[in-house]
Protein backbone atom coordinates (compact mmCIF):
# COMPACT_ATOMS: atom_id res chain seq x y z
CA MET A 1 3.44 -31.22 -7.91
CA ILE A 2 0.89 -31.77 -10.57
CA GLU A 3 -1.86 -30.29 -8.45
CA HIS A 4 0.34 -27.19 -7.86
CA ALA A 5 0.89 -26.75 -11.56
CA ARG A 6 -2.78 -27.00 -12.13
CA THR A 7 -3.43 -24.37 -9.52
CA ALA A 8 -1.05 -22.00 -11.10
CA ALA A 9 -2.33 -22.60 -14.63
CA ALA A 10 -5.93 -22.08 -13.52
CA ALA A 11 -5.24 -18.58 -12.09
CA PRO A 12 -7.20 -15.94 -14.09
CA VAL A 13 -4.04 -13.73 -14.49
CA VAL A 14 -5.66 -11.26 -16.74
CA ARG A 15 -8.73 -10.74 -14.63
CA LEU A 16 -6.56 -10.52 -11.38
CA SER A 17 -4.09 -8.16 -12.95
CA SER A 18 -6.91 -5.83 -14.26
CA PHE A 19 -8.02 -5.12 -10.78
CA TYR A 20 -4.55 -4.33 -9.44
CA PHE A 21 -4.06 -2.00 -12.49
CA ALA A 22 -7.25 -0.04 -11.78
CA TYR A 23 -6.90 0.03 -7.99
CA TYR A 24 -3.29 1.33 -8.14
CA ALA A 25 -3.94 3.59 -11.03
CA ALA A 26 -6.44 5.48 -8.84
CA LEU A 27 -3.82 5.46 -6.01
CA GLY A 28 -1.36 6.96 -8.47
CA ALA A 29 -3.53 10.10 -8.53
CA LEU A 30 -4.55 10.06 -4.81
CA THR A 31 -1.05 9.61 -3.26
CA PRO A 32 0.93 12.27 -5.04
CA TYR A 33 -1.65 14.80 -5.76
CA TRP A 34 -4.50 14.67 -3.19
CA ALA A 35 -2.86 16.94 -0.71
CA MET A 36 -2.24 19.46 -3.58
CA HIS A 37 -5.94 19.20 -4.42
CA LEU A 38 -6.88 19.86 -0.91
CA GLN A 39 -4.55 22.75 -0.71
CA SER A 40 -6.23 24.20 -3.86
CA ARG A 41 -9.49 24.10 -1.83
CA GLY A 42 -8.02 26.33 0.81
CA MET A 43 -6.97 23.75 3.48
CA GLY A 44 -3.94 24.37 5.68
CA ILE A 45 -1.23 21.96 6.54
CA THR A 46 -2.76 20.77 9.75
CA ALA A 47 -6.18 20.11 8.19
CA ILE A 48 -4.53 18.26 5.35
CA SER A 49 -2.55 16.13 7.73
CA VAL A 50 -5.76 15.28 9.54
CA MET A 51 -7.66 14.56 6.35
CA MET A 52 -4.80 12.31 4.96
CA SER A 53 -4.61 10.46 8.26
CA LEU A 54 -8.23 9.36 7.73
CA TRP A 55 -6.90 7.32 4.72
CA TYR A 56 -4.83 5.29 7.21
CA ALA A 57 -7.15 5.42 10.16
CA THR A 58 -9.85 3.54 8.17
CA ARG A 59 -7.33 0.80 7.41
CA VAL A 60 -7.38 -0.05 11.14
CA VAL A 61 -11.03 -1.19 10.98
CA ALA A 62 -11.98 -1.55 7.23
CA PRO A 63 -10.01 -4.58 6.11
CA SER A 64 -10.98 -6.73 9.15
CA THR A 65 -14.59 -5.67 9.24
CA TRP A 66 -15.02 -6.34 5.50
CA ALA A 67 -13.09 -9.66 5.70
CA THR A 68 -15.43 -10.83 8.55
CA ILE A 69 -18.62 -9.80 6.67
CA ALA A 70 -17.35 -11.42 3.43
CA GLY A 71 -16.40 -14.54 5.33
CA ALA A 72 -19.90 -14.94 6.66
CA SER A 73 -21.32 -14.79 3.16
CA PRO A 74 -21.85 -17.85 1.01
CA LYS A 75 -20.52 -15.67 -1.98
CA PRO A 76 -17.68 -13.45 -0.59
CA ILE A 77 -17.07 -11.91 -3.97
CA ARG A 78 -20.26 -9.95 -3.58
CA TRP A 79 -18.80 -7.94 -0.90
CA LEU A 80 -15.86 -7.16 -2.99
CA ARG A 81 -18.24 -5.79 -5.61
CA ILE A 82 -20.31 -3.88 -3.06
CA GLY A 83 -17.19 -2.30 -1.60
CA CYS A 84 -16.10 -1.11 -5.10
CA VAL A 85 -19.47 0.20 -5.98
CA LEU A 86 -19.62 2.13 -2.63
CA THR A 87 -16.14 3.41 -3.25
CA VAL A 88 -17.35 4.95 -6.57
CA ALA A 89 -20.44 6.44 -4.84
CA SER A 90 -18.54 7.90 -1.93
CA PHE A 91 -15.77 9.50 -4.11
CA ALA A 92 -18.39 11.07 -6.34
CA CYS A 93 -19.14 13.25 -3.22
CA PHE A 94 -15.92 15.19 -3.76
CA LEU A 95 -17.03 16.50 -7.12
CA PRO A 96 -19.13 19.52 -6.06
CA GLU A 97 -17.82 22.50 -4.07
CA GLN A 98 -18.82 22.18 -0.43
CA PRO A 99 -17.91 23.30 3.13
CA GLU A 100 -14.80 21.82 4.64
CA TRP A 101 -16.46 19.69 7.36
CA THR A 102 -18.42 17.69 4.62
CA LEU A 103 -15.09 16.91 2.80
CA PHE A 104 -14.02 15.19 6.04
CA ALA A 105 -17.32 13.06 6.21
CA ALA A 106 -16.83 12.18 2.45
CA MET A 107 -13.21 11.27 3.11
CA VAL A 108 -14.22 8.84 5.96
CA ALA A 109 -16.71 6.98 3.70
CA PHE A 110 -14.45 6.83 0.64
CA CYS A 111 -11.29 5.74 2.60
CA PHE A 112 -13.28 3.00 4.40
CA PHE A 113 -14.64 1.31 1.33
CA TYR A 114 -11.48 1.88 -0.80
CA ASN A 115 -9.37 0.34 2.15
CA ALA A 116 -11.72 -2.60 2.60
CA VAL A 117 -11.46 -4.13 -0.82
CA MET A 118 -7.79 -4.66 -1.53
CA PRO A 119 -7.14 -6.92 1.48
CA GLN A 120 -10.06 -9.09 0.37
CA PHE A 121 -8.76 -9.15 -3.16
CA GLU A 122 -5.31 -10.07 -2.01
CA ALA A 123 -6.63 -13.18 -0.34
CA ILE A 124 -8.55 -14.06 -3.63
CA THR A 125 -5.33 -13.70 -5.70
CA LEU A 126 -3.38 -15.82 -3.21
CA GLY A 127 -6.17 -18.39 -3.19
CA HIS A 128 -6.09 -18.62 -7.00
CA LEU A 129 -2.21 -19.02 -6.94
CA GLY A 130 -2.23 -21.64 -4.28
CA ALA A 131 1.26 -23.13 -3.69
CA ASP A 132 2.63 -20.81 -6.40
CA ALA A 133 2.41 -17.64 -4.26
CA HIS A 134 5.87 -16.67 -5.63
CA ARG A 135 4.00 -15.77 -8.88
CA TYR A 136 2.22 -12.96 -7.10
CA GLY A 137 4.74 -10.37 -8.27
CA THR A 138 3.95 -10.96 -12.05
CA ILE A 139 0.31 -10.18 -11.36
CA ARG A 140 0.76 -7.31 -8.84
CA VAL A 141 3.19 -5.64 -11.23
CA TRP A 142 0.26 -4.43 -13.29
CA GLY A 143 -0.79 -2.17 -10.38
CA SER A 144 2.64 -0.56 -10.57
CA ILE A 145 2.16 0.01 -14.31
CA GLY A 146 -1.24 1.63 -13.80
CA PHE A 147 0.38 3.86 -11.01
CA ILE A 148 3.13 4.93 -13.43
CA LEU A 149 0.72 5.86 -16.27
CA VAL A 150 -1.67 7.93 -14.03
CA THR A 151 1.06 9.56 -11.99
CA THR A 152 2.88 10.75 -15.09
CA GLY A 153 -0.18 11.74 -17.05
CA PHE A 154 -1.88 13.47 -14.12
CA GLY A 155 1.23 15.43 -13.37
CA TRP A 156 0.98 16.87 -16.79
CA LEU A 157 -2.79 17.47 -16.45
CA ILE A 158 -2.66 19.27 -13.10
CA GLU A 159 0.22 21.52 -14.36
CA ARG A 160 -1.96 22.70 -17.17
CA HIS A 161 -5.44 22.82 -15.56
CA GLY A 162 -4.81 22.91 -11.79
CA ALA A 163 -5.34 20.50 -8.99
CA GLY A 164 -9.09 21.24 -8.89
CA ILE A 165 -9.66 18.95 -11.74
CA LEU A 166 -8.37 15.96 -9.87
CA PRO A 167 -11.77 14.45 -8.61
CA TRP A 168 -13.22 14.57 -12.10
CA ALA A 169 -10.24 12.78 -13.59
CA MET A 170 -10.05 10.09 -10.90
CA LEU A 171 -13.71 8.93 -10.85
CA PRO A 172 -13.38 6.93 -14.15
CA LEU A 173 -10.54 5.00 -12.61
CA PHE A 174 -12.90 3.86 -9.77
CA VAL A 175 -15.51 2.94 -12.18
CA LEU A 176 -12.91 0.66 -13.97
CA MET A 177 -11.95 -0.80 -10.59
CA ALA A 178 -15.64 -1.74 -9.96
CA ALA A 179 -15.95 -3.26 -13.45
CA SER A 180 -13.00 -5.50 -12.75
CA ALA A 181 -14.50 -6.54 -9.57
CA PHE A 182 -17.67 -7.81 -11.41
CA ALA A 183 -15.27 -9.61 -13.86
CA ASN A 184 -13.36 -11.53 -11.17
CA ARG A 185 -14.47 -14.65 -9.39
CA ASP A 186 -13.86 -16.25 -5.99
CA ALA A 187 -10.88 -18.63 -5.63
CA GLY A 188 -13.34 -21.11 -4.06
CA HIS A 189 -11.43 -22.42 -1.14
CA VAL A 190 -9.92 -19.32 0.65
CA GLY A 191 -11.18 -16.50 2.75
CA PRO A 192 -11.96 -16.32 6.47
CA ARG A 193 -15.13 -18.01 7.90
CA GLY A 194 -16.43 -15.89 10.66
CA ARG A 195 -14.18 -14.37 13.34
CA ALA A 196 -10.49 -15.23 13.70
CA GLY A 197 -10.14 -18.12 16.06
CA GLY A 198 -7.56 -19.49 18.49
CA GLU A 199 -5.51 -21.09 15.67
CA PHE A 200 -5.02 -17.68 14.08
CA TRP A 201 -4.03 -15.77 17.23
CA ALA A 202 -1.73 -18.60 18.27
CA ILE A 203 0.28 -17.87 15.09
CA VAL A 204 0.17 -14.17 15.70
CA ARG A 205 1.66 -14.59 19.15
CA GLN A 206 4.67 -16.50 17.80
CA PRO A 207 7.73 -14.13 18.51
CA ARG A 208 8.95 -13.96 14.75
CA VAL A 209 5.33 -13.20 13.61
CA ALA A 210 4.73 -10.53 16.23
CA ALA A 211 8.13 -9.03 15.52
CA PHE A 212 7.36 -8.94 11.77
CA LEU A 213 4.03 -7.13 12.33
CA VAL A 214 5.86 -4.47 14.55
CA ALA A 215 8.63 -3.99 11.96
CA ALA A 216 5.96 -3.56 9.30
CA PHE A 217 4.16 -1.00 11.56
CA LEU A 218 7.42 0.99 11.84
CA GLU A 219 8.05 0.83 8.18
CA GLN A 220 4.63 2.18 7.38
CA LEU A 221 5.02 4.73 10.05
CA SER A 222 8.20 6.02 8.39
CA PHE A 223 6.24 6.60 5.09
CA GLY A 224 4.02 9.19 6.74
CA PRO A 225 5.78 12.32 5.65
CA TYR A 226 6.21 10.94 2.14
CA TYR A 227 2.66 9.87 1.43
CA THR A 228 1.15 13.04 3.10
CA PHE A 229 3.46 15.78 2.16
CA PHE A 230 6.11 14.77 -0.43
CA SER A 231 4.44 16.67 -3.23
CA VAL A 232 3.85 19.78 -1.07
CA TYR A 233 7.57 19.56 0.15
CA MET A 234 8.88 19.53 -3.35
CA ASP A 235 6.57 22.07 -4.64
CA GLY A 236 7.75 24.37 -1.87
CA LEU A 237 11.33 23.85 -3.17
CA GLY A 238 10.30 25.00 -6.74
CA TYR A 239 9.84 21.70 -8.34
CA SER A 240 7.24 21.80 -11.18
CA THR A 241 4.26 19.47 -10.98
CA SER A 242 5.42 17.50 -14.09
CA THR A 243 8.80 17.03 -12.33
CA LEU A 244 7.00 15.81 -9.36
CA GLY A 245 5.16 13.30 -11.53
CA LEU A 246 8.62 12.14 -12.76
CA LEU A 247 9.90 11.72 -9.28
CA TRP A 248 6.94 9.67 -8.19
CA THR A 249 7.27 7.61 -11.30
CA VAL A 250 10.92 6.81 -11.07
CA GLY A 251 10.51 4.61 -8.06
CA VAL A 252 7.56 2.75 -9.54
CA VAL A 253 9.52 1.94 -12.76
CA PHE A 254 12.04 0.18 -10.67
CA GLU A 255 9.27 -1.43 -8.67
CA VAL A 256 8.09 -3.01 -11.86
CA ALA A 257 11.45 -4.76 -12.28
CA VAL A 258 11.37 -5.97 -8.66
CA PHE A 259 7.94 -7.51 -9.17
CA PHE A 260 9.20 -9.24 -12.33
CA THR A 261 12.22 -10.83 -10.63
CA ILE A 262 11.03 -11.37 -7.10
CA SER A 263 9.98 -15.01 -7.71
CA GLY A 264 13.55 -16.03 -8.44
CA ILE A 265 14.75 -14.18 -5.23
CA PHE A 266 12.27 -16.04 -2.98
CA ARG A 267 13.41 -19.46 -4.40
CA ARG A 268 16.87 -18.77 -2.91
CA TRP A 269 16.40 -16.39 0.04
CA ASP A 270 14.04 -16.26 3.00
CA ALA A 271 11.56 -13.35 2.58
CA SER A 272 12.64 -11.96 5.83
CA TRP A 273 16.14 -11.02 4.47
CA LEU A 274 14.37 -9.01 1.70
CA LEU A 275 12.17 -7.39 4.30
CA LEU A 276 15.47 -6.25 6.16
CA VAL A 277 17.06 -4.97 3.12
CA SER A 278 14.01 -3.01 2.04
CA MET A 279 13.71 -1.33 5.56
CA ALA A 280 17.48 -0.44 5.38
CA SER A 281 16.86 1.24 2.08
CA ALA A 282 14.00 3.34 3.58
CA VAL A 283 16.45 4.66 6.33
CA LEU A 284 18.89 5.98 3.64
CA ARG A 285 15.99 7.28 1.51
CA TRP A 286 14.34 9.37 4.23
CA TRP A 287 17.51 10.88 5.42
CA ALA A 288 18.64 11.75 1.92
CA THR A 289 15.33 13.42 1.36
CA ALA A 290 15.69 15.51 4.43
CA LEU A 291 19.29 16.49 3.87
CA TRP A 292 19.66 17.00 0.01
CA PRO A 293 16.16 17.79 -1.38
CA ASP A 294 17.67 20.38 -3.69
CA SER A 295 19.77 17.90 -5.54
CA MET A 296 17.88 16.33 -8.43
CA PRO A 297 20.37 13.50 -8.87
CA VAL A 298 20.15 12.66 -5.20
CA MET A 299 16.32 12.74 -5.25
CA LEU A 300 16.22 10.55 -8.29
CA VAL A 301 18.41 7.90 -6.57
CA ALA A 302 16.30 8.25 -3.34
CA GLN A 303 13.13 7.70 -5.35
CA ALA A 304 14.63 4.62 -7.20
CA THR A 305 14.91 2.94 -3.81
CA HIS A 306 11.06 2.91 -3.63
CA ALA A 307 11.52 -0.35 -5.52
CA LEU A 308 13.01 -1.78 -2.32
CA GLY A 309 11.28 0.18 0.39
CA PHE A 310 7.76 -0.45 -0.97
CA ALA A 311 7.75 -3.16 -3.69
CA ALA A 312 10.27 -5.61 -2.25
CA PHE A 313 8.91 -4.93 1.24
CA PHE A 314 5.34 -5.57 0.20
CA ALA A 315 6.14 -8.70 -1.86
CA ALA A 316 8.20 -10.11 1.07
CA ALA A 317 5.31 -9.26 3.43
CA MET A 318 2.80 -11.12 1.17
CA GLN A 319 5.11 -14.10 0.87
CA MET A 320 5.44 -14.31 4.72
CA LEU A 321 1.77 -14.00 5.22
CA ALA A 322 1.05 -16.74 2.68
CA THR A 323 3.59 -19.02 4.45
CA CYS A 324 2.40 -18.35 7.92
CA PHE A 325 -1.27 -18.11 7.40
CA PRO A 326 -2.35 -20.54 4.68
CA GLY A 327 -5.81 -21.05 3.11
CA ARG A 328 -8.69 -19.76 5.14
CA LEU A 329 -6.46 -17.95 7.68
CA ASN A 330 -4.99 -15.60 5.02
CA GLY A 331 -8.10 -13.38 4.74
CA HIS A 332 -7.71 -12.63 8.51
CA ALA A 333 -4.04 -12.16 8.21
CA GLN A 334 -4.43 -9.68 5.42
CA GLY A 335 -6.91 -7.73 7.52
CA LEU A 336 -4.54 -7.62 10.58
CA PHE A 337 -1.55 -6.62 8.36
CA TYR A 338 -3.32 -3.85 6.66
CA GLY A 339 -5.12 -2.65 9.83
CA PHE A 340 -2.00 -2.68 12.03
CA SER A 341 0.81 -1.74 9.78
CA SER A 342 -0.74 0.34 7.04
CA GLY A 343 -3.67 1.51 9.16
CA LEU A 344 -2.25 2.37 12.60
CA GLY A 345 1.25 2.99 11.31
CA GLY A 346 0.01 5.16 8.45
CA VAL A 347 -2.32 7.21 10.61
CA LEU A 348 0.25 7.94 13.25
CA GLY A 349 2.88 8.70 10.44
CA ALA A 350 0.53 11.30 8.92
CA LEU A 351 -0.22 12.86 12.20
CA VAL A 352 3.44 12.93 13.42
CA ALA A 353 4.51 14.43 9.95
CA GLY A 354 1.87 17.15 10.46
CA GLN A 355 3.18 18.04 13.88
CA LEU A 356 6.91 18.03 12.79
CA TRP A 357 6.38 19.73 9.52
CA PRO A 358 6.72 23.41 10.85
CA TRP A 359 10.26 22.45 12.05
CA GLY A 360 12.61 22.98 9.17
CA ASP A 361 9.83 23.03 6.52
CA GLY A 362 9.45 19.21 6.59
CA ARG A 363 13.18 18.09 6.93
CA LEU A 364 12.72 17.17 10.60
CA ALA A 365 9.83 14.96 9.69
CA PHE A 366 11.88 13.01 7.03
CA LEU A 367 14.76 12.70 9.62
CA ALA A 368 12.38 11.22 12.08
CA ALA A 369 10.99 8.91 9.43
CA GLY A 370 14.43 7.42 8.83
CA CYS A 371 14.75 6.82 12.66
CA PHE A 372 11.45 4.84 12.57
CA ALA A 373 12.63 2.71 9.77
CA LEU A 374 15.99 2.17 11.50
CA LEU A 375 14.15 0.90 14.62
CA GLY A 376 12.19 -1.55 12.37
CA CYS A 377 15.44 -2.80 10.98
CA VAL A 378 16.75 -3.55 14.43
CA ILE A 379 13.64 -5.46 15.33
CA ALA A 380 13.79 -7.50 11.98
CA TRP A 381 17.51 -8.27 12.41
CA ILE A 382 17.01 -9.55 16.01
CA TRP A 383 13.75 -11.42 15.91
CA VAL A 384 12.63 -12.05 12.25
CA VAL A 385 15.68 -12.83 10.15
CA PRO A 386 16.52 -16.55 10.56
CA ARG A 387 20.05 -17.39 11.85
CA GLY A 388 22.23 -19.35 9.63
CA LYS A 389 21.97 -19.51 5.71
CA GLY A 390 19.58 -17.08 3.99
CA VAL A 391 17.57 -19.88 2.41
CA ALA A 392 13.75 -19.95 2.23
CA THR A 393 12.20 -21.01 5.62
CA ASP A 394 8.77 -20.80 7.20
CA LEU A 395 8.39 -17.57 9.09
CA GLY A 396 6.42 -19.27 11.88
CA GLY A 397 8.90 -22.17 12.13
């Protein structure tokens, strides 16, 4: 117990929080407004869906590739810093006007490096926290705060100056992220060493762990229409850009509350129960978005459930990964989780959304998203949630 207290006290909370703040501040511009920026450059819906799918496609390979390279280095933190610097350099390629095909090349490079760094940093954070992984939410919450500030501010900025200004406004956020990477340090005792071995894959093959990964994949698949086209969807219904910023912000405000209170929930309940509740909320959210998009009260409530569908889901997933894949195994687990769920699930979600979008101007895409989340709920209920009392247990037990 004394050692656990020392580990928690030694965690560099401010430095760790600063990275989450900068990373998710940039994401607060990319996720809501990048499709609008691409549209301002003359791209059609199909091209935008393919472009946005690259964000998720690189998640399939970038996290595990970067984790393996970093694990082979005597100073893994160097690769976090290299990834951040390359993120800045590749994003700068969006600044000048250029042919459409070069935008795809820039997107591949940018997304690869941007997606590579966060799983590595997650492992660093959990390594600093040690046995106090339940404190993760109080650090990660600063990412949500950064997201809120940028989403709200950039909505106002774009409404007045147009979406063409977006790359110039985003570049300083990536510079700030790189600066934070140089300020942080390795945890010293975590991170993968070389390739994932038999011990790691034996855990992955456990039925509850495998079912958890499939459920997470379906949850991310269901977010495809939202992350790719939600702003375009609402813009087509006549919502102003500043109102769009408000809608994106509402969910993240509640997300902050979830991250601040999540540690108390984990002390009483197994993370898999929270996973199930968060996925059930996603079902209702996507169906409400499809059926009542013209109702501002309904959309505000639907957006508020982002605190469950994303924040609670993500915190539960991190808790489960920390329990199942301790120490040096966690870096590989982060890479697999990001690659399979956010990566493969995200790219398929974006592509499916693009194909379904012409049917009902996006409504069919959101109805299908709810069905994907519902299937994930069924899998989680049957194989992931422990039978008996909902107290904390090991996922791999």
